[in-house]
Amino acid sequence: MDDDTTLLRSHGLRVTSPRVAVLDVLRRHPHADADTVLRLVRGQVPSVSVQGVYDVLGALTGAGLLRRIEPAGHPARYERRVGDNHHHIVCRGCGALDDVDCAVGHSPCLVPSSTSGFTVDTAEVTFWGLCPACAAAAADD
């Protein structure tokens, strides 16, 4: 908790119980969606509202302490791993999501054929497939 307190203060954010609880939940449950975060935060801060958790997720994402991931067809998920421009792999069967480290050692990990004048600072790649459990279940069918 002291590390999270320092982290919040270093980003100019007030230290509140919901903020500390959200950071703690996402440390233990990376890639959690907002409903899961709410349920787990309420275990620590029972009085927190739905809007309160969404506000915290928004504030922490805006401050660069969280990353919001939005795989197509799935609810937004949140993670604390920020700043390294890693990618993700999503199971088409159960929706499990995991990190995929950058294949190239520098950001943004991809070099587009044309930037159309844009300055590229981030690239998002989502790999899709079946996790081991879903692949095994599909093989049994």
N, C-alpha and C. Protein backbone atom coordinates (compact mmCIF):
# COMPACT_ATOMS: atom_id res chain seq x y z
N MET A 1 0.83 -1.19 0.00
CA MET A 1 0.00 0.00 0.00
C MET A 1 0.87 1.25 0.00
N ASP A 2 1.99 1.25 0.70
CA ASP A 2 2.87 2.41 0.72
C ASP A 2 3.38 2.73 -0.67
N ASP A 3 3.69 1.69 -1.47
CA ASP A 3 4.14 1.92 -2.84
C ASP A 3 3.05 2.58 -3.66
N ASP A 4 1.80 2.12 -3.48
CA ASP A 4 0.70 2.71 -4.22
C ASP A 4 0.43 4.14 -3.76
N THR A 5 0.58 4.40 -2.50
CA THR A 5 0.43 5.76 -1.98
C THR A 5 1.46 6.67 -2.62
N THR A 6 2.69 6.23 -2.65
CA THR A 6 3.76 7.01 -3.27
C THR A 6 3.50 7.19 -4.75
N LEU A 7 3.05 6.13 -5.41
CA LEU A 7 2.76 6.18 -6.84
C LEU A 7 1.67 7.22 -7.13
N LEU A 8 0.59 7.19 -6.37
CA LEU A 8 -0.49 8.15 -6.57
C LEU A 8 0.01 9.58 -6.37
N ARG A 9 0.72 9.80 -5.29
CA ARG A 9 1.22 11.15 -5.01
C ARG A 9 2.20 11.62 -6.08
N SER A 10 3.03 10.71 -6.57
CA SER A 10 4.02 11.11 -7.59
C SER A 10 3.36 11.50 -8.91
N HIS A 11 2.11 11.10 -9.10
CA HIS A 11 1.36 11.48 -10.30
C HIS A 11 0.35 12.60 -10.01
N GLY A 12 0.51 13.22 -8.85
CA GLY A 12 -0.34 14.36 -8.50
C GLY A 12 -1.77 13.99 -8.13
N LEU A 13 -1.99 12.73 -7.73
CA LEU A 13 -3.33 12.29 -7.36
C LEU A 13 -3.46 12.16 -5.85
N ARG A 14 -4.65 12.52 -5.37
CA ARG A 14 -4.93 12.31 -3.94
C ARG A 14 -4.97 10.82 -3.65
N VAL A 15 -4.54 10.48 -2.46
CA VAL A 15 -4.60 9.09 -2.01
C VAL A 15 -5.96 8.86 -1.36
N THR A 16 -6.76 7.99 -1.98
CA THR A 16 -8.08 7.66 -1.42
C THR A 16 -8.17 6.13 -1.31
N SER A 17 -9.05 5.68 -0.45
CA SER A 17 -9.24 4.23 -0.29
C SER A 17 -9.63 3.56 -1.59
N PRO A 18 -10.58 4.11 -2.37
CA PRO A 18 -10.93 3.45 -3.63
C PRO A 18 -9.76 3.39 -4.62
N ARG A 19 -8.95 4.44 -4.70
CA ARG A 19 -7.81 4.42 -5.62
C ARG A 19 -6.79 3.36 -5.22
N VAL A 20 -6.49 3.29 -3.94
CA VAL A 20 -5.54 2.29 -3.46
C VAL A 20 -6.11 0.89 -3.68
N ALA A 21 -7.41 0.71 -3.44
CA ALA A 21 -8.03 -0.60 -3.62
C ALA A 21 -8.03 -1.02 -5.09
N VAL A 22 -8.31 -0.09 -6.00
CA VAL A 22 -8.29 -0.42 -7.43
C VAL A 22 -6.88 -0.84 -7.85
N LEU A 23 -5.88 -0.10 -7.42
CA LEU A 23 -4.50 -0.48 -7.76
C LEU A 23 -4.16 -1.86 -7.20
N ASP A 24 -4.58 -2.13 -5.98
CA ASP A 24 -4.32 -3.44 -5.36
C ASP A 24 -5.01 -4.55 -6.14
N VAL A 25 -6.28 -4.35 -6.50
CA VAL A 25 -7.03 -5.36 -7.24
C VAL A 25 -6.35 -5.64 -8.58
N LEU A 26 -5.94 -4.58 -9.28
CA LEU A 26 -5.32 -4.79 -10.60
C LEU A 26 -3.90 -5.34 -10.50
N ARG A 27 -3.26 -5.21 -9.37
CA ARG A 27 -1.98 -5.87 -9.17
C ARG A 27 -2.20 -7.38 -9.10
N ARG A 28 -3.26 -7.77 -8.40
CA ARG A 28 -3.55 -9.19 -8.21
C ARG A 28 -4.33 -9.82 -9.36
N HIS A 29 -5.06 -8.97 -10.12
CA HIS A 29 -5.91 -9.47 -11.21
C HIS A 29 -5.72 -8.61 -12.46
N PRO A 30 -4.56 -8.74 -13.10
CA PRO A 30 -4.35 -7.95 -14.31
C PRO A 30 -5.38 -8.33 -15.38
N HIS A 31 -5.75 -7.37 -16.20
CA HIS A 31 -6.70 -7.55 -17.29
C HIS A 31 -8.13 -7.74 -16.80
N ALA A 32 -8.45 -7.25 -15.60
CA ALA A 32 -9.82 -7.34 -15.07
C ALA A 32 -10.70 -6.31 -15.74
N ASP A 33 -11.97 -6.66 -15.94
CA ASP A 33 -12.91 -5.69 -16.46
C ASP A 33 -13.48 -4.87 -15.30
N ALA A 34 -14.23 -3.82 -15.60
CA ALA A 34 -14.72 -2.90 -14.57
C ALA A 34 -15.63 -3.60 -13.57
N ASP A 35 -16.48 -4.53 -14.02
CA ASP A 35 -17.37 -5.24 -13.10
C ASP A 35 -16.58 -6.08 -12.10
N THR A 36 -15.53 -6.73 -12.58
CA THR A 36 -14.69 -7.53 -11.69
C THR A 36 -13.96 -6.62 -10.71
N VAL A 37 -13.43 -5.51 -11.21
CA VAL A 37 -12.75 -4.55 -10.33
C VAL A 37 -13.72 -4.07 -9.26
N LEU A 38 -14.93 -3.70 -9.64
CA LEU A 38 -15.93 -3.23 -8.68
C LEU A 38 -16.20 -4.29 -7.60
N ARG A 39 -16.46 -5.52 -8.03
CA ARG A 39 -16.76 -6.60 -7.08
C ARG A 39 -15.61 -6.80 -6.09
N LEU A 40 -14.38 -6.80 -6.59
CA LEU A 40 -13.23 -7.04 -5.72
C LEU A 40 -12.90 -5.82 -4.85
N VAL A 41 -13.09 -4.62 -5.38
CA VAL A 41 -12.85 -3.41 -4.58
C VAL A 41 -13.86 -3.34 -3.44
N ARG A 42 -15.09 -3.73 -3.70
CA ARG A 42 -16.11 -3.71 -2.63
C ARG A 42 -15.75 -4.65 -1.48
N GLY A 43 -14.91 -5.63 -1.72
CA GLY A 43 -14.40 -6.47 -0.64
C GLY A 43 -13.50 -5.69 0.30
N GLN A 44 -12.89 -4.61 -0.20
CA GLN A 44 -11.99 -3.78 0.61
C GLN A 44 -12.66 -2.48 1.05
N VAL A 45 -13.50 -1.94 0.18
CA VAL A 45 -14.18 -0.66 0.46
C VAL A 45 -15.66 -0.88 0.14
N PRO A 46 -16.42 -1.45 1.09
CA PRO A 46 -17.81 -1.83 0.81
C PRO A 46 -18.71 -0.68 0.36
N SER A 47 -18.40 0.53 0.75
CA SER A 47 -19.28 1.66 0.43
C SER A 47 -19.03 2.26 -0.94
N VAL A 48 -18.03 1.78 -1.68
CA VAL A 48 -17.71 2.38 -2.97
C VAL A 48 -18.86 2.16 -3.96
N SER A 49 -19.17 3.19 -4.73
CA SER A 49 -20.25 3.10 -5.71
C SER A 49 -19.71 2.63 -7.06
N VAL A 50 -20.63 2.22 -7.92
CA VAL A 50 -20.25 1.84 -9.28
C VAL A 50 -19.58 3.04 -9.96
N GLN A 51 -20.21 4.21 -9.85
CA GLN A 51 -19.64 5.40 -10.47
C GLN A 51 -18.27 5.73 -9.88
N GLY A 52 -18.11 5.50 -8.58
CA GLY A 52 -16.83 5.76 -7.93
C GLY A 52 -15.71 4.93 -8.53
N VAL A 53 -15.97 3.66 -8.80
CA VAL A 53 -14.96 2.80 -9.39
C VAL A 53 -14.66 3.23 -10.82
N TYR A 54 -15.71 3.55 -11.59
CA TYR A 54 -15.47 4.05 -12.96
C TYR A 54 -14.68 5.34 -12.95
N ASP A 55 -14.97 6.22 -11.99
CA ASP A 55 -14.21 7.47 -11.88
C ASP A 55 -12.75 7.20 -11.58
N VAL A 56 -12.49 6.26 -10.67
CA VAL A 56 -11.11 5.91 -10.32
C VAL A 56 -10.40 5.29 -11.53
N LEU A 57 -11.05 4.38 -12.21
CA LEU A 57 -10.44 3.77 -13.40
C LEU A 57 -10.10 4.85 -14.44
N GLY A 58 -11.01 5.79 -14.62
CA GLY A 58 -10.76 6.88 -15.56
C GLY A 58 -9.60 7.77 -15.13
N ALA A 59 -9.57 8.12 -13.84
CA ALA A 59 -8.50 8.99 -13.33
C ALA A 59 -7.15 8.31 -13.40
N LEU A 60 -7.09 7.03 -13.04
CA LEU A 60 -5.81 6.32 -13.05
C LEU A 60 -5.34 6.06 -14.48
N THR A 61 -6.27 5.82 -15.40
CA THR A 61 -5.91 5.67 -16.81
C THR A 61 -5.42 6.99 -17.36
N GLY A 62 -6.14 8.07 -17.06
CA GLY A 62 -5.75 9.40 -17.52
C GLY A 62 -4.39 9.83 -17.01
N ALA A 63 -4.04 9.39 -15.80
CA ALA A 63 -2.75 9.73 -15.21
C ALA A 63 -1.63 8.82 -15.70
N GLY A 64 -1.97 7.81 -16.50
CA GLY A 64 -0.95 6.91 -17.02
C GLY A 64 -0.57 5.78 -16.09
N LEU A 65 -1.37 5.57 -15.04
CA LEU A 65 -1.07 4.48 -14.10
C LEU A 65 -1.72 3.17 -14.50
N LEU A 66 -2.74 3.25 -15.36
CA LEU A 66 -3.41 2.06 -15.87
C LEU A 66 -3.48 2.15 -17.38
N ARG A 67 -3.62 1.00 -18.00
CA ARG A 67 -3.85 0.93 -19.43
C ARG A 67 -5.21 0.27 -19.64
N ARG A 68 -6.01 0.86 -20.50
CA ARG A 68 -7.32 0.31 -20.85
C ARG A 68 -7.16 -0.46 -22.15
N ILE A 69 -7.60 -1.71 -22.15
CA ILE A 69 -7.50 -2.59 -23.30
C ILE A 69 -8.93 -2.89 -23.75
N GLU A 70 -9.19 -2.78 -25.04
CA GLU A 70 -10.54 -3.02 -25.55
C GLU A 70 -10.54 -4.02 -26.69
N PRO A 71 -10.41 -5.32 -26.38
CA PRO A 71 -10.47 -6.32 -27.44
C PRO A 71 -11.86 -6.33 -28.08
N ALA A 72 -11.92 -6.42 -29.38
CA ALA A 72 -13.19 -6.42 -30.10
C ALA A 72 -14.15 -7.47 -29.53
N GLY A 73 -15.37 -7.05 -29.27
CA GLY A 73 -16.39 -7.97 -28.78
C GLY A 73 -16.31 -8.30 -27.30
N HIS A 74 -15.41 -7.65 -26.58
CA HIS A 74 -15.22 -7.91 -25.15
C HIS A 74 -15.30 -6.60 -24.38
N PRO A 75 -15.64 -6.68 -23.09
CA PRO A 75 -15.63 -5.45 -22.30
C PRO A 75 -14.20 -4.93 -22.13
N ALA A 76 -14.10 -3.63 -21.90
CA ALA A 76 -12.79 -3.03 -21.64
C ALA A 76 -12.16 -3.71 -20.43
N ARG A 77 -10.87 -3.87 -20.48
CA ARG A 77 -10.11 -4.44 -19.36
C ARG A 77 -9.03 -3.45 -18.98
N TYR A 78 -8.53 -3.59 -17.77
CA TYR A 78 -7.54 -2.66 -17.24
C TYR A 78 -6.34 -3.43 -16.72
N GLU A 79 -5.17 -2.80 -16.85
CA GLU A 79 -3.95 -3.41 -16.33
C GLU A 79 -3.01 -2.33 -15.84
N ARG A 80 -2.13 -2.72 -14.95
CA ARG A 80 -1.12 -1.79 -14.41
C ARG A 80 0.14 -1.75 -15.24
N ARG A 81 0.34 -2.70 -16.10
CA ARG A 81 1.55 -2.74 -16.94
C ARG A 81 1.42 -1.65 -18.01
N VAL A 82 2.15 -0.59 -17.82
CA VAL A 82 2.08 0.55 -18.73
C VAL A 82 3.50 0.93 -19.19
N GLY A 83 3.57 1.65 -20.28
CA GLY A 83 4.83 2.24 -20.69
C GLY A 83 5.76 1.37 -21.50
N ASP A 84 5.42 0.11 -21.72
CA ASP A 84 6.33 -0.74 -22.49
C ASP A 84 5.75 -1.16 -23.83
N ASN A 85 4.55 -0.70 -24.14
CA ASN A 85 3.90 -0.97 -25.43
C ASN A 85 3.87 -2.45 -25.77
N HIS A 86 3.55 -3.29 -24.78
CA HIS A 86 3.38 -4.71 -25.05
C HIS A 86 2.03 -4.94 -25.73
N HIS A 87 1.82 -6.13 -26.21
CA HIS A 87 0.60 -6.48 -26.93
C HIS A 87 -0.17 -7.53 -26.14
N HIS A 88 -1.25 -8.05 -26.73
CA HIS A 88 -2.11 -9.00 -26.02
C HIS A 88 -2.55 -10.13 -26.94
N ILE A 89 -2.87 -11.26 -26.30
CA ILE A 89 -3.44 -12.40 -27.01
C ILE A 89 -4.75 -12.73 -26.30
N VAL A 90 -5.81 -12.98 -27.10
CA VAL A 90 -7.14 -13.21 -26.56
C VAL A 90 -7.66 -14.55 -27.08
N CYS A 91 -8.25 -15.33 -26.19
CA CYS A 91 -8.85 -16.61 -26.57
C CYS A 91 -10.23 -16.36 -27.17
N ARG A 92 -10.47 -16.88 -28.36
CA ARG A 92 -11.77 -16.75 -29.00
C ARG A 92 -12.83 -17.59 -28.28
N GLY A 93 -12.41 -18.59 -27.53
CA GLY A 93 -13.36 -19.46 -26.84
C GLY A 93 -13.86 -18.89 -25.54
N CYS A 94 -12.95 -18.63 -24.59
CA CYS A 94 -13.35 -18.22 -23.24
C CYS A 94 -13.07 -16.75 -22.93
N GLY A 95 -12.35 -16.07 -23.82
CA GLY A 95 -12.04 -14.66 -23.59
C GLY A 95 -10.82 -14.41 -22.73
N ALA A 96 -10.09 -15.47 -22.35
CA ALA A 96 -8.87 -15.27 -21.57
C ALA A 96 -7.94 -14.33 -22.32
N LEU A 97 -7.22 -13.51 -21.58
CA LEU A 97 -6.33 -12.52 -22.18
C LEU A 97 -4.99 -12.58 -21.48
N ASP A 98 -3.91 -12.48 -22.25
CA ASP A 98 -2.58 -12.50 -21.66
C ASP A 98 -1.69 -11.51 -22.41
N ASP A 99 -0.58 -11.16 -21.79
CA ASP A 99 0.38 -10.24 -22.38
C ASP A 99 1.27 -10.95 -23.38
N VAL A 100 1.69 -10.21 -24.41
CA VAL A 100 2.67 -10.66 -25.38
C VAL A 100 3.73 -9.56 -25.44
N ASP A 101 4.95 -9.91 -25.09
CA ASP A 101 6.01 -8.90 -25.13
C ASP A 101 6.30 -8.49 -26.56
N CYS A 102 6.81 -7.29 -26.67
CA CYS A 102 7.18 -6.70 -27.96
C CYS A 102 8.19 -7.59 -28.67
N ALA A 103 7.99 -7.79 -29.96
CA ALA A 103 8.91 -8.61 -30.74
C ALA A 103 10.17 -7.83 -31.12
N VAL A 104 10.08 -6.52 -31.07
CA VAL A 104 11.20 -5.64 -31.39
C VAL A 104 11.48 -4.82 -30.16
N GLY A 105 12.72 -4.57 -29.86
CA GLY A 105 13.08 -3.95 -28.60
C GLY A 105 12.81 -2.47 -28.43
N HIS A 106 12.14 -1.81 -29.35
CA HIS A 106 11.88 -0.38 -29.18
C HIS A 106 10.44 -0.06 -29.52
N SER A 107 9.91 1.00 -28.92
CA SER A 107 8.55 1.45 -29.21
C SER A 107 8.53 2.07 -30.58
N PRO A 108 7.49 1.96 -31.32
CA PRO A 108 6.22 1.34 -30.97
C PRO A 108 6.12 -0.13 -31.35
N CYS A 109 7.19 -0.80 -31.58
CA CYS A 109 7.25 -2.24 -31.86
C CYS A 109 6.83 -2.59 -33.28
N LEU A 110 6.30 -1.65 -34.00
CA LEU A 110 5.93 -1.85 -35.39
C LEU A 110 6.32 -0.60 -36.16
N VAL A 111 6.69 -0.78 -37.37
CA VAL A 111 7.01 0.35 -38.23
C VAL A 111 6.00 0.34 -39.37
N PRO A 112 5.08 1.31 -39.41
CA PRO A 112 4.06 1.30 -40.47
C PRO A 112 4.69 1.64 -41.82
N SER A 113 4.07 1.15 -42.89
CA SER A 113 4.57 1.44 -44.23
C SER A 113 4.38 2.92 -44.56
N SER A 114 3.37 3.54 -43.97
CA SER A 114 3.14 4.98 -44.13
C SER A 114 2.50 5.51 -42.86
N THR A 115 2.91 6.69 -42.45
CA THR A 115 2.31 7.30 -41.26
C THR A 115 1.33 8.40 -41.62
N SER A 116 1.22 8.73 -42.90
CA SER A 116 0.33 9.81 -43.35
C SER A 116 0.59 11.09 -42.59
N GLY A 117 1.83 11.29 -42.19
CA GLY A 117 2.19 12.50 -41.47
C GLY A 117 2.01 12.43 -39.96
N PHE A 118 1.45 11.33 -39.47
CA PHE A 118 1.26 11.16 -38.03
C PHE A 118 2.60 10.88 -37.35
N THR A 119 2.73 11.27 -36.11
CA THR A 119 3.84 10.87 -35.28
C THR A 119 3.36 9.67 -34.47
N VAL A 120 3.90 8.51 -34.72
CA VAL A 120 3.44 7.28 -34.08
C VAL A 120 4.15 7.11 -32.74
N ASP A 121 3.37 6.91 -31.67
CA ASP A 121 3.96 6.68 -30.35
C ASP A 121 3.51 5.36 -29.73
N THR A 122 2.48 4.75 -30.30
CA THR A 122 1.98 3.49 -29.76
C THR A 122 1.45 2.63 -30.89
N ALA A 123 1.64 1.35 -30.78
CA ALA A 123 1.04 0.39 -31.71
C ALA A 123 0.34 -0.67 -30.87
N GLU A 124 -0.88 -1.02 -31.24
CA GLU A 124 -1.61 -2.04 -30.51
C GLU A 124 -1.85 -3.22 -31.44
N VAL A 125 -1.42 -4.37 -31.00
CA VAL A 125 -1.64 -5.60 -31.74
C VAL A 125 -2.39 -6.55 -30.82
N THR A 126 -3.44 -7.15 -31.34
CA THR A 126 -4.17 -8.17 -30.59
C THR A 126 -4.08 -9.46 -31.38
N PHE A 127 -3.50 -10.45 -30.77
CA PHE A 127 -3.44 -11.78 -31.36
C PHE A 127 -4.67 -12.54 -30.88
N TRP A 128 -5.29 -13.31 -31.75
CA TRP A 128 -6.48 -14.09 -31.42
C TRP A 128 -6.20 -15.57 -31.66
N GLY A 129 -6.77 -16.41 -30.82
CA GLY A 129 -6.62 -17.85 -30.98
C GLY A 129 -7.37 -18.57 -29.89
N LEU A 130 -6.94 -19.76 -29.57
CA LEU A 130 -7.55 -20.54 -28.50
C LEU A 130 -6.51 -20.79 -27.42
N CYS A 131 -6.92 -20.59 -26.17
CA CYS A 131 -6.05 -20.90 -25.05
C CYS A 131 -5.89 -22.42 -24.96
N PRO A 132 -4.92 -22.91 -24.19
CA PRO A 132 -4.72 -24.36 -24.11
C PRO A 132 -5.97 -25.14 -23.69
N ALA A 133 -6.75 -24.62 -22.74
CA ALA A 133 -7.94 -25.33 -22.28
C ALA A 133 -8.99 -25.40 -23.37
N CYS A 134 -9.23 -24.30 -24.07
CA CYS A 134 -10.22 -24.30 -25.15
C CYS A 134 -9.75 -25.12 -26.34
N ALA A 135 -8.45 -25.10 -26.64
CA ALA A 135 -7.91 -25.91 -27.73
C ALA A 135 -8.07 -27.40 -27.41
N ALA A 136 -7.84 -27.76 -26.16
CA ALA A 136 -8.00 -29.17 -25.75
C ALA A 136 -9.46 -29.58 -25.83
N ALA A 137 -10.37 -28.69 -25.40
CA ALA A 137 -11.80 -29.01 -25.46
C ALA A 137 -12.25 -29.14 -26.91
N ALA A 138 -11.73 -28.29 -27.80
CA ALA A 138 -12.09 -28.37 -29.22
C ALA A 138 -11.57 -29.66 -29.84
N ALA A 139 -10.41 -30.11 -29.41
CA ALA A 139 -9.83 -31.35 -29.93
C ALA A 139 -10.65 -32.57 -29.49
N ASP A 140 -11.30 -32.46 -28.30
CA ASP A 140 -12.10 -33.57 -27.77
C ASP A 140 -13.45 -33.68 -28.47
N ASP A 141 -13.88 -32.59 -29.13
CA ASP A 141 -15.20 -32.59 -29.79
C ASP A 141 -15.20 -33.38 -31.07
